[in-house]
Amino acid sequence: MTTGSASAPVRLTIAHGGHIPAAWGPPREAVRTTTVAIREPRGVETFVTSWGTLTGTAGEDMVVIQDSGEEYPIKKTVLAATYEEASPGRYRKKARSRLVQVPPGVVAVLATREGEIEVRHPDYVVIGADNEVYANAAHWVTANLKFV
């Protein structure tokens, strides 16, 4: 007698947007509908997110603070290039996001600037302005982005 077991997911390392398989479909563009606060990291800080553990370093990074209280690091150069002040102390991403949803049965292992993270369906791989990759959770995309 054989027993049914789920097969192991396919693991795919993605270091930049060009590594995303064409079979996943073209990136979809979206605009941000919400704002965030930012702060400087306190020395070297570690952030545990739903998609992995990232490190932020004072002088190199800033910390994005969502209204939910979730925090994560972003390189200062990326923040300056992609965010604008929407109101005093509040920032909105000015660039359009380009997202590709991870298909079922795949673990996308993203080599981000802040550390390696694993992304699974229904979450998204996001392609940044310099073709870098990072992740957005599907529930976050629904709450904060509008596809155009």
Protein backbone atom coordinates (compact mmCIF):
# COMPACT_ATOMS: atom_id res chain seq x y z
CA MET A 1 0.00 0.00 0.00
CA THR A 2 1.26 3.50 -0.76
CA THR A 3 0.58 6.51 1.34
CA GLY A 4 -0.03 9.88 -0.19
CA SER A 5 2.32 12.66 0.77
CA ALA A 6 2.71 16.15 -0.48
CA SER A 7 5.74 16.58 -2.68
CA ALA A 8 8.41 18.98 -1.53
CA PRO A 9 8.05 22.47 -2.98
CA VAL A 10 10.37 23.57 -5.76
CA ARG A 11 13.00 25.97 -4.36
CA LEU A 12 14.20 28.73 -6.66
CA THR A 13 16.84 31.31 -5.75
CA ILE A 14 16.12 34.80 -7.09
CA ALA A 15 18.77 37.52 -6.72
CA HIS A 16 17.31 40.07 -9.17
CA GLY A 17 14.25 40.62 -11.32
CA GLY A 18 15.80 38.84 -14.29
CA HIS A 19 15.80 35.57 -12.33
CA ILE A 20 11.99 35.42 -12.11
CA PRO A 21 10.77 32.70 -14.49
CA ALA A 22 8.73 33.95 -17.45
CA ALA A 23 6.22 31.19 -16.70
CA TRP A 24 5.18 33.14 -13.58
CA GLY A 25 3.79 35.87 -15.85
CA PRO A 26 4.85 39.46 -16.42
CA PRO A 27 5.22 41.83 -13.47
CA ARG A 28 2.02 43.70 -12.58
CA GLU A 29 2.30 47.40 -11.75
CA ALA A 30 0.72 48.85 -8.63
CA VAL A 31 0.67 52.17 -6.79
CA ARG A 32 0.80 52.70 -3.04
CA THR A 33 -2.39 53.89 -1.36
CA THR A 34 -1.03 54.28 2.18
CA THR A 35 1.75 56.16 3.97
CA VAL A 36 4.41 55.10 6.48
CA ALA A 37 6.66 56.68 9.10
CA ILE A 38 10.43 56.23 9.10
CA ARG A 39 13.21 56.28 11.68
CA GLU A 40 16.94 55.62 11.97
CA PRO A 41 18.06 52.15 13.09
CA ARG A 42 19.39 51.95 16.65
CA GLY A 43 22.86 50.63 15.87
CA VAL A 44 22.54 47.26 14.17
CA GLU A 45 18.94 46.01 14.45
CA THR A 46 17.44 42.69 13.45
CA PHE A 47 13.88 42.58 12.15
CA VAL A 48 11.87 39.36 12.07
CA THR A 49 9.15 39.66 9.44
CA SER A 50 6.64 37.18 8.06
CA TRP A 51 9.01 36.57 5.16
CA GLY A 52 12.38 36.36 6.96
CA THR A 53 14.95 38.03 9.18
CA LEU A 54 16.53 41.26 7.95
CA THR A 55 19.25 43.52 9.36
CA GLY A 56 19.25 47.32 9.45
CA THR A 57 22.41 49.32 10.21
CA ALA A 58 22.61 52.93 11.42
CA GLY A 59 24.15 55.14 8.74
CA GLU A 60 23.28 52.73 5.90
CA ASP A 61 19.59 52.03 6.38
CA MET A 62 16.33 53.56 7.53
CA VAL A 63 13.45 51.72 9.18
CA VAL A 64 9.99 51.82 7.59
CA ILE A 65 7.17 51.75 10.17
CA GLN A 66 3.76 50.56 8.98
CA ASP A 67 0.59 51.73 10.76
CA SER A 68 0.27 48.15 12.07
CA GLY A 69 3.56 48.64 13.94
CA GLU A 70 5.46 46.30 11.62
CA GLU A 71 8.97 47.57 10.96
CA TYR A 72 11.59 46.60 8.38
CA PRO A 73 14.84 48.11 7.07
CA ILE A 74 15.41 49.78 3.72
CA LYS A 75 18.68 51.14 2.30
CA LYS A 76 18.86 54.95 2.57
CA THR A 77 19.60 55.24 -1.14
CA VAL A 78 16.53 53.15 -2.02
CA LEU A 79 14.33 55.18 0.35
CA ALA A 80 15.53 58.47 -1.17
CA ALA A 81 14.90 57.21 -4.71
CA THR A 82 11.51 55.63 -4.13
CA TYR A 83 9.67 57.52 -1.35
CA GLU A 84 8.44 61.11 -0.99
CA GLU A 85 7.06 63.01 1.98
CA ALA A 86 3.25 62.94 1.75
CA SER A 87 2.66 65.01 4.92
CA PRO A 88 4.85 65.96 7.89
CA GLY A 89 6.48 62.75 9.14
CA ARG A 90 4.60 60.51 6.67
CA TYR A 91 6.03 59.05 3.47
CA ARG A 92 4.51 57.38 0.42
CA LYS A 93 6.28 55.26 -2.13
CA LYS A 94 6.32 57.37 -5.29
CA ALA A 95 7.49 54.71 -7.72
CA ARG A 96 5.13 52.11 -9.08
CA SER A 97 5.71 48.67 -7.65
CA ARG A 98 6.24 45.74 -10.01
CA LEU A 99 4.99 42.48 -8.50
CA VAL A 100 4.91 38.83 -9.51
CA GLN A 101 2.91 36.38 -7.42
CA VAL A 102 4.77 33.23 -6.36
CA PRO A 103 2.94 30.22 -7.83
CA PRO A 104 1.68 27.36 -5.66
CA GLY A 105 4.27 24.67 -4.93
CA VAL A 106 7.25 27.03 -5.16
CA VAL A 107 9.48 28.59 -2.51
CA ALA A 108 11.20 31.68 -3.91
CA VAL A 109 14.44 32.21 -1.97
CA LEU A 110 15.14 35.93 -2.40
CA ALA A 111 18.66 37.26 -2.03
CA THR A 112 17.71 40.77 -0.84
CA ARG A 113 20.09 43.58 0.11
CA GLU A 114 19.15 43.07 3.76
CA GLY A 115 19.29 39.26 3.89
CA GLU A 116 17.90 36.04 2.43
CA ILE A 117 14.15 35.44 2.73
CA GLU A 118 11.70 32.75 1.62
CA VAL A 119 8.46 33.67 -0.16
CA ARG A 120 5.55 31.32 -0.87
CA HIS A 121 2.16 31.53 -2.60
CA PRO A 122 0.06 33.65 -2.31
CA ASP A 123 2.76 36.25 -1.55
CA TYR A 124 4.62 38.36 -4.09
CA VAL A 125 8.16 38.96 -5.31
CA VAL A 126 8.61 42.69 -5.89
CA ILE A 127 11.13 44.04 -8.40
CA GLY A 128 12.74 47.28 -7.21
CA ALA A 129 14.06 50.30 -9.11
CA ASP A 130 17.53 48.75 -9.47
CA ASN A 131 16.13 45.29 -10.38
CA GLU A 132 16.63 44.19 -6.74
CA VAL A 133 14.02 41.88 -5.25
CA TYR A 134 12.07 41.88 -2.01
CA ALA A 135 8.76 40.46 -0.78
CA ASN A 136 5.24 41.69 -0.08
CA ALA A 137 2.70 39.51 1.73
CA ALA A 138 -0.54 39.04 -0.22
CA HIS A 139 -2.65 40.50 2.62
CA TRP A 140 -0.39 43.57 2.67
CA VAL A 141 -0.71 44.03 -1.11
CA THR A 142 -4.51 43.90 -0.82
CA ALA A 143 -4.53 46.49 1.97
CA ASN A 144 -1.90 48.91 0.62
CA LEU A 145 -1.62 48.70 -3.16
CA LYS A 146 -3.86 49.27 -6.15
CA PHE A 147 -3.02 47.41 -9.36
CA VAL A 148 -3.02 49.69 -12.42
